[in-house]
Amino acid sequence: MPTAAQVRSLMRQYLRLGRTFPNYNIRSYLDRKGREDARRWASGPPADAAAPAAEAAWRAAVDDLAAFKRQAAVYGMYGRKFKTVLELEHDAAAKAKAG
């Protein structure tokens, strides 16, 4: 069973990995996925969950992170090098909001 430190570490890894993608959709998906997994594991597995099933779910989350890391490497080689219109609008709105 994962400890609280392992759950926090997994969430940080999802968020850190999400920042490496230039695509807004992938970044926001990884952010959401990391937060959802952390919420699910923060309170621990349900009391009626069997230990093997909970362990399998944790391994699946770790395997998902490994798959996203591989995807980040591929996306870095072949992904778009320019921002989409949606990302440009998001950046402009963030700059206007900041000052």
PDB file of N, CA and C in Angstrom:
ATOM      1  N   MET A   1       0.845  -1.188   0.000  1.00  0.00           N
ATOM      2  CA  MET A   1       0.000   0.000   0.000  1.00  0.00           C
ATOM      3  C   MET A   1       0.881   1.239   0.000  1.00  0.00           C
ATOM      4  N   PRO A   2       0.491   2.258  -0.760  1.00  0.00           N
ATOM      5  CA  PRO A   2       1.301   3.476  -0.828  1.00  0.00           C
ATOM      6  C   PRO A   2       1.184   4.298   0.454  1.00  0.00           C
ATOM      7  N   THR A   3       2.276   4.929   0.790  1.00  0.00           N
ATOM      8  CA  THR A   3       2.264   5.826   1.935  1.00  0.00           C
ATOM      9  C   THR A   3       1.819   7.212   1.465  1.00  0.00           C
ATOM     10  N   ALA A   4       1.574   8.098   2.414  1.00  0.00           N
ATOM     11  CA  ALA A   4       1.175   9.466   2.064  1.00  0.00           C
ATOM     12  C   ALA A   4       2.277  10.161   1.272  1.00  0.00           C
ATOM     13  N   ALA A   5       3.516   9.896   1.615  1.00  0.00           N
ATOM     14  CA  ALA A   5       4.639  10.495   0.886  1.00  0.00           C
ATOM     15  C   ALA A   5       4.677  10.007  -0.565  1.00  0.00           C
ATOM     16  N   GLN A   6       4.375   8.740  -0.773  1.00  0.00           N
ATOM     17  CA  GLN A   6       4.358   8.204  -2.134  1.00  0.00           C
ATOM     18  C   GLN A   6       3.231   8.831  -2.950  1.00  0.00           C
ATOM     19  N   VAL A   7       2.090   9.054  -2.332  1.00  0.00           N
ATOM     20  CA  VAL A   7       0.964   9.683  -3.032  1.00  0.00           C
ATOM     21  C   VAL A   7       1.331  11.106  -3.432  1.00  0.00           C
ATOM     22  N   ARG A   8       1.923  11.856  -2.502  1.00  0.00           N
ATOM     23  CA  ARG A   8       2.348  13.225  -2.819  1.00  0.00           C
ATOM     24  C   ARG A   8       3.389  13.228  -3.928  1.00  0.00           C
ATOM     25  N   SER A   9       4.296  12.295  -3.871  1.00  0.00           N
ATOM     26  CA  SER A   9       5.335  12.203  -4.893  1.00  0.00           C
ATOM     27  C   SER A   9       4.734  11.915  -6.263  1.00  0.00           C
ATOM     28  N   LEU A  10       3.772  11.006  -6.308  1.00  0.00           N
ATOM     29  CA  LEU A  10       3.135  10.676  -7.581  1.00  0.00           C
ATOM     30  C   LEU A  10       2.414  11.894  -8.152  1.00  0.00           C
ATOM     31  N   MET A  11       1.720  12.638  -7.311  1.00  0.00           N
ATOM     32  CA  MET A  11       1.022  13.833  -7.776  1.00  0.00           C
ATOM     33  C   MET A  11       2.016  14.865  -8.301  1.00  0.00           C
ATOM     34  N   ARG A  12       3.094  15.079  -7.577  1.00  0.00           N
ATOM     35  CA  ARG A  12       4.103  16.047  -8.029  1.00  0.00           C
ATOM     36  C   ARG A  12       4.700  15.625  -9.364  1.00  0.00           C
ATOM     37  N   GLN A  13       4.908  14.319  -9.540  1.00  0.00           N
ATOM     38  CA  GLN A  13       5.466  13.846 -10.804  1.00  0.00           C
ATOM     39  C   GLN A  13       4.500  14.090 -11.956  1.00  0.00           C
ATOM     40  N   TYR A  14       3.187  13.861 -11.730  1.00  0.00           N
ATOM     41  CA  TYR A  14       2.195  14.156 -12.761  1.00  0.00           C
ATOM     42  C   TYR A  14       2.224  15.639 -13.119  1.00  0.00           C
ATOM     43  N   LEU A  15       2.237  16.498 -12.117  1.00  0.00           N
ATOM     44  CA  LEU A  15       2.217  17.941 -12.364  1.00  0.00           C
ATOM     45  C   LEU A  15       3.498  18.398 -13.055  1.00  0.00           C
ATOM     46  N   ARG A  16       4.635  17.879 -12.614  1.00  0.00           N
ATOM     47  CA  ARG A  16       5.913  18.243 -13.224  1.00  0.00           C
ATOM     48  C   ARG A  16       5.960  17.782 -14.678  1.00  0.00           C
ATOM     49  N   LEU A  17       5.481  16.576 -14.927  1.00  0.00           N
ATOM     50  CA  LEU A  17       5.470  16.048 -16.286  1.00  0.00           C
ATOM     51  C   LEU A  17       4.516  16.843 -17.170  1.00  0.00           C
ATOM     52  N   GLY A  18       3.383  17.240 -16.616  1.00  0.00           N
ATOM     53  CA  GLY A  18       2.422  18.016 -17.390  1.00  0.00           C
ATOM     54  C   GLY A  18       2.991  19.334 -17.874  1.00  0.00           C
ATOM     55  N   ARG A  19       3.858  19.949 -17.078  1.00  0.00           N
ATOM     56  CA  ARG A  19       4.447  21.227 -17.490  1.00  0.00           C
ATOM     57  C   ARG A  19       5.400  21.083 -18.666  1.00  0.00           C
ATOM     58  N   THR A  20       5.875  19.879 -18.955  1.00  0.00           N
ATOM     59  CA  THR A  20       6.822  19.695 -20.051  1.00  0.00           C
ATOM     60  C   THR A  20       6.142  19.671 -21.418  1.00  0.00           C
ATOM     61  N   PHE A  21       4.827  19.443 -21.457  1.00  0.00           N
ATOM     62  CA  PHE A  21       4.127  19.374 -22.736  1.00  0.00           C
ATOM     63  C   PHE A  21       3.801  20.775 -23.237  1.00  0.00           C
ATOM     64  N   PRO A  22       4.081  21.060 -24.489  1.00  0.00           N
ATOM     65  CA  PRO A  22       3.711  22.369 -25.027  1.00  0.00           C
ATOM     66  C   PRO A  22       2.207  22.477 -25.317  1.00  0.00           C
ATOM     67  N   ASN A  23       1.523  21.360 -25.420  1.00  0.00           N
ATOM     68  CA  ASN A  23       0.106  21.362 -25.752  1.00  0.00           C
ATOM     69  C   ASN A  23      -0.737  21.590 -24.500  1.00  0.00           C
ATOM     70  N   TYR A  24      -1.614  22.591 -24.549  1.00  0.00           N
ATOM     71  CA  TYR A  24      -2.450  22.955 -23.410  1.00  0.00           C
ATOM     72  C   TYR A  24      -3.366  21.807 -22.984  1.00  0.00           C
ATOM     73  N   ASN A  25      -3.933  21.101 -23.939  1.00  0.00           N
ATOM     74  CA  ASN A  25      -4.870  20.017 -23.616  1.00  0.00           C
ATOM     75  C   ASN A  25      -4.189  18.902 -22.819  1.00  0.00           C
ATOM     76  N   ILE A  26      -2.995  18.547 -23.219  1.00  0.00           N
ATOM     77  CA  ILE A  26      -2.279  17.483 -22.516  1.00  0.00           C
ATOM     78  C   ILE A  26      -1.851  17.968 -21.135  1.00  0.00           C
ATOM     79  N   ARG A  27      -1.379  19.211 -21.061  1.00  0.00           N
ATOM     80  CA  ARG A  27      -0.998  19.766 -19.758  1.00  0.00           C
ATOM     81  C   ARG A  27      -2.166  19.750 -18.783  1.00  0.00           C
ATOM     82  N   SER A  28      -3.320  20.212 -19.236  1.00  0.00           N
ATOM     83  CA  SER A  28      -4.469  20.270 -18.331  1.00  0.00           C
ATOM     84  C   SER A  28      -4.960  18.868 -17.973  1.00  0.00           C
ATOM     85  N   TYR A  29      -4.868  17.915 -18.908  1.00  0.00           N
ATOM     86  CA  TYR A  29      -5.273  16.541 -18.611  1.00  0.00           C
ATOM     87  C   TYR A  29      -4.381  15.941 -17.527  1.00  0.00           C
ATOM     88  N   LEU A  30      -3.069  16.104 -17.658  1.00  0.00           N
ATOM     89  CA  LEU A  30      -2.162  15.537 -16.663  1.00  0.00           C
ATOM     90  C   LEU A  30      -2.335  16.219 -15.307  1.00  0.00           C
ATOM     91  N   ASP A  31      -2.607  17.501 -15.318  1.00  0.00           N
ATOM     92  CA  ASP A  31      -2.875  18.213 -14.068  1.00  0.00           C
ATOM     93  C   ASP A  31      -4.117  17.622 -13.388  1.00  0.00           C
ATOM     94  N   ARG A  32      -5.180  17.464 -14.161  1.00  0.00           N
ATOM     95  CA  ARG A  32      -6.428  16.918 -13.623  1.00  0.00           C
ATOM     96  C   ARG A  32      -6.237  15.475 -13.157  1.00  0.00           C
ATOM     97  N   LYS A  33      -5.542  14.669 -13.948  1.00  0.00           N
ATOM     98  CA  LYS A  33      -5.316  13.262 -13.605  1.00  0.00           C
ATOM     99  C   LYS A  33      -4.515  13.146 -12.315  1.00  0.00           C
ATOM    100  N   GLY A  34      -3.479  13.964 -12.178  1.00  0.00           N
ATOM    101  CA  GLY A  34      -2.670  13.922 -10.961  1.00  0.00           C
ATOM    102  C   GLY A  34      -3.472  14.299  -9.737  1.00  0.00           C
ATOM    103  N   ARG A  35      -4.306  15.327  -9.850  1.00  0.00           N
ATOM    104  CA  ARG A  35      -5.119  15.750  -8.713  1.00  0.00           C
ATOM    105  C   ARG A  35      -6.189  14.703  -8.357  1.00  0.00           C
ATOM    106  N   GLU A  36      -6.813  14.109  -9.383  1.00  0.00           N
ATOM    107  CA  GLU A  36      -7.822  13.081  -9.116  1.00  0.00           C
ATOM    108  C   GLU A  36      -7.213  11.865  -8.440  1.00  0.00           C
ATOM    109  N   ASP A  37      -6.051  11.426  -8.925  1.00  0.00           N
ATOM    110  CA  ASP A  37      -5.391  10.272  -8.302  1.00  0.00           C
ATOM    111  C   ASP A  37      -4.982  10.586  -6.873  1.00  0.00           C
ATOM    112  N   ALA A  38      -4.491  11.796  -6.649  1.00  0.00           N
ATOM    113  CA  ALA A  38      -4.075  12.164  -5.293  1.00  0.00           C
ATOM    114  C   ALA A  38      -5.279  12.205  -4.352  1.00  0.00           C
ATOM    115  N   ARG A  39      -6.396  12.732  -4.818  1.00  0.00           N
ATOM    116  CA  ARG A  39      -7.598  12.758  -3.975  1.00  0.00           C
ATOM    117  C   ARG A  39      -8.069  11.347  -3.645  1.00  0.00           C
ATOM    118  N   ARG A  40      -8.013  10.486  -4.658  1.00  0.00           N
ATOM    119  CA  ARG A  40      -8.467   9.114  -4.451  1.00  0.00           C
ATOM    120  C   ARG A  40      -7.588   8.403  -3.427  1.00  0.00           C
ATOM    121  N   TRP A  41      -6.279   8.648  -3.474  1.00  0.00           N
ATOM    122  CA  TRP A  41      -5.364   7.939  -2.591  1.00  0.00           C
ATOM    123  C   TRP A  41      -5.104   8.672  -1.288  1.00  0.00           C
ATOM    124  N   ALA A  42      -5.493   9.935  -1.188  1.00  0.00           N
ATOM    125  CA  ALA A  42      -5.212  10.707   0.036  1.00  0.00           C
ATOM    126  C   ALA A  42      -5.897  10.101   1.251  1.00  0.00           C
ATOM    127  N   SER A  43      -7.120   9.667   1.075  1.00  0.00           N
ATOM    128  CA  SER A  43      -7.839   9.089   2.202  1.00  0.00           C
ATOM    129  C   SER A  43      -7.565   7.595   2.341  1.00  0.00           C
ATOM    130  N   GLY A  44      -6.768   7.056   1.472  1.00  0.00           N
ATOM    131  CA  GLY A  44      -6.469   5.626   1.517  1.00  0.00           C
ATOM    132  C   GLY A  44      -7.544   4.848   0.778  1.00  0.00           C
ATOM    133  N   PRO A  45      -7.313   3.592   0.569  1.00  0.00           N
ATOM    134  CA  PRO A  45      -8.301   2.779  -0.137  1.00  0.00           C
ATOM    135  C   PRO A  45      -9.541   2.571   0.727  1.00  0.00           C
ATOM    136  N   PRO A  46     -10.681   2.331   0.106  1.00  0.00           N
ATOM    137  CA  PRO A  46     -11.884   2.063   0.896  1.00  0.00           C
ATOM    138  C   PRO A  46     -11.673   0.872   1.820  1.00  0.00           C
ATOM    139  N   ALA A  47     -12.385   0.890   2.944  1.00  0.00           N
ATOM    140  CA  ALA A  47     -12.201  -0.169   3.952  1.00  0.00           C
ATOM    141  C   ALA A  47     -12.569  -1.543   3.414  1.00  0.00           C
ATOM    142  N   ASP A  48     -13.561  -1.596   2.516  1.00  0.00           N
ATOM    143  CA  ASP A  48     -13.989  -2.901   2.011  1.00  0.00           C
ATOM    144  C   ASP A  48     -13.156  -3.370   0.817  1.00  0.00           C
ATOM    145  N   ALA A  49     -12.204  -2.556   0.394  1.00  0.00           N
ATOM    146  CA  ALA A  49     -11.383  -2.943  -0.761  1.00  0.00           C
ATOM    147  C   ALA A  49     -10.380  -4.014  -0.337  1.00  0.00           C
ATOM    148  N   ALA A  50     -10.259  -4.985  -1.160  1.00  0.00           N
ATOM    149  CA  ALA A  50      -9.278  -6.032  -0.898  1.00  0.00           C
ATOM    150  C   ALA A  50      -7.883  -5.473  -1.162  1.00  0.00           C
ATOM    151  N   ALA A  51      -6.931  -5.895  -0.388  1.00  0.00           N
ATOM    152  CA  ALA A  51      -5.559  -5.399  -0.527  1.00  0.00           C
ATOM    153  C   ALA A  51      -4.996  -5.633  -1.931  1.00  0.00           C
ATOM    154  N   PRO A  52      -5.205  -6.799  -2.545  1.00  0.00           N
ATOM    155  CA  PRO A  52      -4.676  -6.989  -3.895  1.00  0.00           C
ATOM    156  C   PRO A  52      -5.293  -6.020  -4.916  1.00  0.00           C
ATOM    157  N   ALA A  53      -6.582  -5.715  -4.769  1.00  0.00           N
ATOM    158  CA  ALA A  53      -7.222  -4.794  -5.713  1.00  0.00           C
ATOM    159  C   ALA A  53      -6.676  -3.383  -5.530  1.00  0.00           C
ATOM    160  N   ALA A  54      -6.467  -2.969  -4.295  1.00  0.00           N
ATOM    161  CA  ALA A  54      -5.915  -1.643  -4.031  1.00  0.00           C
ATOM    162  C   ALA A  54      -4.485  -1.549  -4.545  1.00  0.00           C
ATOM    163  N   GLU A  55      -3.720  -2.596  -4.342  1.00  0.00           N
ATOM    164  CA  GLU A  55      -2.346  -2.612  -4.835  1.00  0.00           C
ATOM    165  C   GLU A  55      -2.313  -2.575  -6.361  1.00  0.00           C
ATOM    166  N   ALA A  56      -3.240  -3.265  -7.007  1.00  0.00           N
ATOM    167  CA  ALA A  56      -3.316  -3.250  -8.472  1.00  0.00           C
ATOM    168  C   ALA A  56      -3.678  -1.855  -8.974  1.00  0.00           C
ATOM    169  N   ALA A  57      -4.551  -1.149  -8.277  1.00  0.00           N
ATOM    170  CA  ALA A  57      -4.918   0.208  -8.675  1.00  0.00           C
ATOM    171  C   ALA A  57      -3.729   1.150  -8.537  1.00  0.00           C
ATOM    172  N   TRP A  58      -2.953   0.975  -7.484  1.00  0.00           N
ATOM    173  CA  TRP A  58      -1.763   1.811  -7.296  1.00  0.00           C
ATOM    174  C   TRP A  58      -0.746   1.535  -8.395  1.00  0.00           C
ATOM    175  N   ARG A  59      -0.533   0.267  -8.707  1.00  0.00           N
ATOM    176  CA  ARG A  59       0.400  -0.081  -9.787  1.00  0.00           C
ATOM    177  C   ARG A  59      -0.080   0.497 -11.111  1.00  0.00           C
ATOM    178  N   ALA A  60      -1.395   0.512 -11.344  1.00  0.00           N
ATOM    179  CA  ALA A  60      -1.938   1.078 -12.585  1.00  0.00           C
ATOM    180  C   ALA A  60      -1.635   2.569 -12.665  1.00  0.00           C
ATOM    181  N   ALA A  61      -1.748   3.276 -11.545  1.00  0.00           N
ATOM    182  CA  ALA A  61      -1.443   4.714 -11.532  1.00  0.00           C
ATOM    183  C   ALA A  61       0.034   4.955 -11.833  1.00  0.00           C
ATOM    184  N   VAL A  62       0.896   4.133 -11.262  1.00  0.00           N
ATOM    185  CA  VAL A  62       2.333   4.267 -11.516  1.00  0.00           C
ATOM    186  C   VAL A  62       2.645   3.914 -12.970  1.00  0.00           C
ATOM    187  N   ASP A  63       1.993   2.893 -13.505  1.00  0.00           N
ATOM    188  CA  ASP A  63       2.188   2.517 -14.907  1.00  0.00           C
ATOM    189  C   ASP A  63       1.697   3.612 -15.840  1.00  0.00           C
ATOM    190  N   ASP A  64       0.594   4.275 -15.496  1.00  0.00           N
ATOM    191  CA  ASP A  64       0.100   5.393 -16.293  1.00  0.00           C
ATOM    192  C   ASP A  64       1.141   6.507 -16.355  1.00  0.00           C
ATOM    193  N   LEU A  65       1.762   6.793 -15.224  1.00  0.00           N
ATOM    194  CA  LEU A  65       2.786   7.833 -15.189  1.00  0.00           C
ATOM    195  C   LEU A  65       3.952   7.458 -16.098  1.00  0.00           C
ATOM    196  N   ALA A  66       4.356   6.201 -16.071  1.00  0.00           N
ATOM    197  CA  ALA A  66       5.452   5.748 -16.939  1.00  0.00           C
ATOM    198  C   ALA A  66       5.062   5.894 -18.415  1.00  0.00           C
ATOM    199  N   ALA A  67       3.814   5.588 -18.750  1.00  0.00           N
ATOM    200  CA  ALA A  67       3.354   5.731 -20.136  1.00  0.00           C
ATOM    201  C   ALA A  67       3.354   7.204 -20.544  1.00  0.00           C
ATOM    202  N   PHE A  68       2.948   8.091 -19.638  1.00  0.00           N
ATOM    203  CA  PHE A  68       2.964   9.520 -19.951  1.00  0.00           C
ATOM    204  C   PHE A  68       4.387  10.024 -20.142  1.00  0.00           C
ATOM    205  N   LYS A  69       5.335   9.479 -19.391  1.00  0.00           N
ATOM    206  CA  LYS A  69       6.735   9.865 -19.567  1.00  0.00           C
ATOM    207  C   LYS A  69       7.232   9.460 -20.953  1.00  0.00           C
ATOM    208  N   ARG A  70       6.861   8.260 -21.380  1.00  0.00           N
ATOM    209  CA  ARG A  70       7.251   7.820 -22.727  1.00  0.00           C
ATOM    210  C   ARG A  70       6.605   8.711 -23.777  1.00  0.00           C
ATOM    211  N   GLN A  71       5.335   9.062 -23.552  1.00  0.00           N
ATOM    212  CA  GLN A  71       4.629   9.928 -24.500  1.00  0.00           C
ATOM    213  C   GLN A  71       5.278  11.306 -24.555  1.00  0.00           C
ATOM    214  N   ALA A  72       5.766  11.797 -23.427  1.00  0.00           N
ATOM    215  CA  ALA A  72       6.437  13.101 -23.405  1.00  0.00           C
ATOM    216  C   ALA A  72       7.696  13.067 -24.270  1.00  0.00           C
ATOM    217  N   ALA A  73       8.421  11.955 -24.211  1.00  0.00           N
ATOM    218  CA  ALA A  73       9.628  11.834 -25.034  1.00  0.00           C
ATOM    219  C   ALA A  73       9.272  11.830 -26.518  1.00  0.00           C
ATOM    220  N   VAL A  74       8.246  11.088 -26.884  1.00  0.00           N
ATOM    221  CA  VAL A  74       7.822  11.034 -28.285  1.00  0.00           C
ATOM    222  C   VAL A  74       7.293  12.394 -28.739  1.00  0.00           C
ATOM    223  N   TYR A  75       6.493  13.017 -27.881  1.00  0.00           N
ATOM    224  CA  TYR A  75       5.918  14.315 -28.230  1.00  0.00           C
ATOM    225  C   TYR A  75       7.025  15.362 -28.388  1.00  0.00           C
ATOM    226  N   GLY A  76       8.077  15.254 -27.592  1.00  0.00           N
ATOM    227  CA  GLY A  76       9.202  16.173 -27.708  1.00  0.00           C
ATOM    228  C   GLY A  76       9.907  16.042 -29.045  1.00  0.00           C
ATOM    229  N   MET A  77       9.912  14.843 -29.604  1.00  0.00           N
ATOM    230  CA  MET A  77      10.571  14.638 -30.892  1.00  0.00           C
ATOM    231  C   MET A  77       9.689  15.022 -32.067  1.00  0.00           C
ATOM    232  N   TYR A  78       8.396  14.733 -31.974  1.00  0.00           N
ATOM    233  CA  TYR A  78       7.525  14.887 -33.129  1.00  0.00           C
ATOM    234  C   TYR A  78       6.375  15.869 -32.942  1.00  0.00           C
ATOM    235  N   GLY A  79       6.196  16.417 -31.764  1.00  0.00           N
ATOM    236  CA  GLY A  79       5.068  17.307 -31.495  1.00  0.00           C
ATOM    237  C   GLY A  79       5.227  18.665 -32.153  1.00  0.00           C
ATOM    238  N   ARG A  80       4.154  19.445 -32.108  1.00  0.00           N
ATOM    239  CA  ARG A  80       4.194  20.782 -32.684  1.00  0.00           C
ATOM    240  C   ARG A  80       5.135  21.679 -31.902  1.00  0.00           C
ATOM    241  N   LYS A  81       5.792  22.564 -32.603  1.00  0.00           N
ATOM    242  CA  LYS A  81       6.724  23.488 -31.965  1.00  0.00           C
ATOM    243  C   LYS A  81       6.109  24.885 -31.812  1.00  0.00           C
ATOM    244  N   PHE A  82       4.859  25.042 -32.176  1.00  0.00           N
ATOM    245  CA  PHE A  82       4.206  26.345 -32.060  1.00  0.00           C
ATOM    246  C   PHE A  82       2.939  26.199 -31.234  1.00  0.00           C
ATOM    247  N   LYS A  83       2.460  27.329 -30.715  1.00  0.00           N
ATOM    248  CA  LYS A  83       1.269  27.309 -29.875  1.00  0.00           C
ATOM    249  C   LYS A  83       0.011  27.395 -30.724  1.00  0.00           C
ATOM    250  N   THR A  84      -1.057  26.820 -30.203  1.00  0.00           N
ATOM    251  CA  THR A  84      -2.348  26.911 -30.873  1.00  0.00           C
ATOM    252  C   THR A  84      -2.999  28.245 -30.532  1.00  0.00           C
ATOM    253  N   VAL A  85      -4.066  28.582 -31.230  1.00  0.00           N
ATOM    254  CA  VAL A  85      -4.782  29.830 -30.980  1.00  0.00           C
ATOM    255  C   VAL A  85      -5.311  29.851 -29.553  1.00  0.00           C
ATOM    256  N   LEU A  86      -5.800  28.740 -29.080  1.00  0.00           N
ATOM    257  CA  LEU A  86      -6.325  28.659 -27.720  1.00  0.00           C
ATOM    258  C   LEU A  86      -5.237  28.967 -26.696  1.00  0.00           C
ATOM    259  N   GLU A  87      -4.037  28.445 -26.927  1.00  0.00           N
ATOM    260  CA  GLU A  87      -2.940  28.700 -26.007  1.00  0.00           C
ATOM    261  C   GLU A  87      -2.498  30.158 -26.054  1.00  0.00           C
ATOM    262  N   LEU A  88      -2.499  30.753 -27.226  1.00  0.00           N
ATOM    263  CA  LEU A  88      -2.138  32.163 -27.344  1.00  0.00           C
ATOM    264  C   LEU A  88      -3.125  33.042 -26.596  1.00  0.00           C
ATOM    265  N   GLU A  89      -4.425  32.724 -26.713  1.00  0.00           N
ATOM    266  CA  GLU A  89      -5.440  33.486 -25.989  1.00  0.00           C
ATOM    267  C   GLU A  89      -5.284  33.293 -24.481  1.00  0.00           C
ATOM    268  N   HIS A  90      -4.990  32.073 -24.058  1.00  0.00           N
ATOM    269  CA  HIS A  90      -4.796  31.785 -22.634  1.00  0.00           C
ATOM    270  C   HIS A  90      -3.607  32.572 -22.098  1.00  0.00           C
ATOM    271  N   ASP A  91      -2.506  32.600 -22.841  1.00  0.00           N
ATOM    272  CA  ASP A  91      -1.321  33.342 -22.408  1.00  0.00           C
ATOM    273  C   ASP A  91      -1.598  34.841 -22.340  1.00  0.00           C
ATOM    274  N   ALA A  92      -2.334  35.363 -23.323  1.00  0.00           N
ATOM    275  CA  ALA A  92      -2.666  36.787 -23.324  1.00  0.00           C
ATOM    276  C   ALA A  92      -3.541  37.141 -22.132  1.00  0.00           C
ATOM    277  N   ALA A  93      -4.495  36.277 -21.818  1.00  0.00           N
ATOM    278  CA  ALA A  93      -5.380  36.519 -20.673  1.00  0.00           C
ATOM    279  C   ALA A  93      -4.585  36.460 -19.370  1.00  0.00           C
ATOM    280  N   ALA A  94      -3.636  35.549 -19.266  1.00  0.00           N
ATOM    281  CA  ALA A  94      -2.827  35.425 -18.056  1.00  0.00           C
ATOM    282  C   ALA A  94      -1.936  36.655 -17.874  1.00  0.00           C
ATOM    283  N   LYS A  95      -1.389  37.169 -18.980  1.00  0.00           N
ATOM    284  CA  LYS A  95      -0.553  38.367 -18.895  1.00  0.00           C
ATOM    285  C   LYS A  95      -1.379  39.584 -18.496  1.00  0.00           C
ATOM    286  N   ALA A  96      -2.580  39.698 -19.054  1.00  0.00           N
ATOM    287  CA  ALA A  96      -3.452  40.819 -18.728  1.00  0.00           C
ATOM    288  C   ALA A  96      -3.875  40.760 -17.250  1.00  0.00           C
ATOM    289  N   LYS A  97      -4.107  39.563 -16.757  1.00  0.00           N
ATOM    290  CA  LYS A  97      -4.523  39.384 -15.371  1.00  0.00           C
ATOM    291  C   LYS A  97      -3.374  39.690 -14.416  1.00  0.00           C
ATOM    292  N   ALA A  98      -2.148  39.329 -14.831  1.00  0.00           N
ATOM    293  CA  ALA A  98      -0.983  39.530 -13.965  1.00  0.00           C
ATOM    294  C   ALA A  98      -0.590  40.998 -13.850  1.00  0.00           C
ATOM    295  N   GLY A  99      -0.895  41.755 -14.849  1.00  0.00           N
ATOM    296  CA  GLY A  99      -0.502  43.150 -14.651  1.00  0.00           C
ATOM    297  C   GLY A  99      -0.551  43.909 -15.880  1.00  0.00           C
TER     298      GLY A  99
END
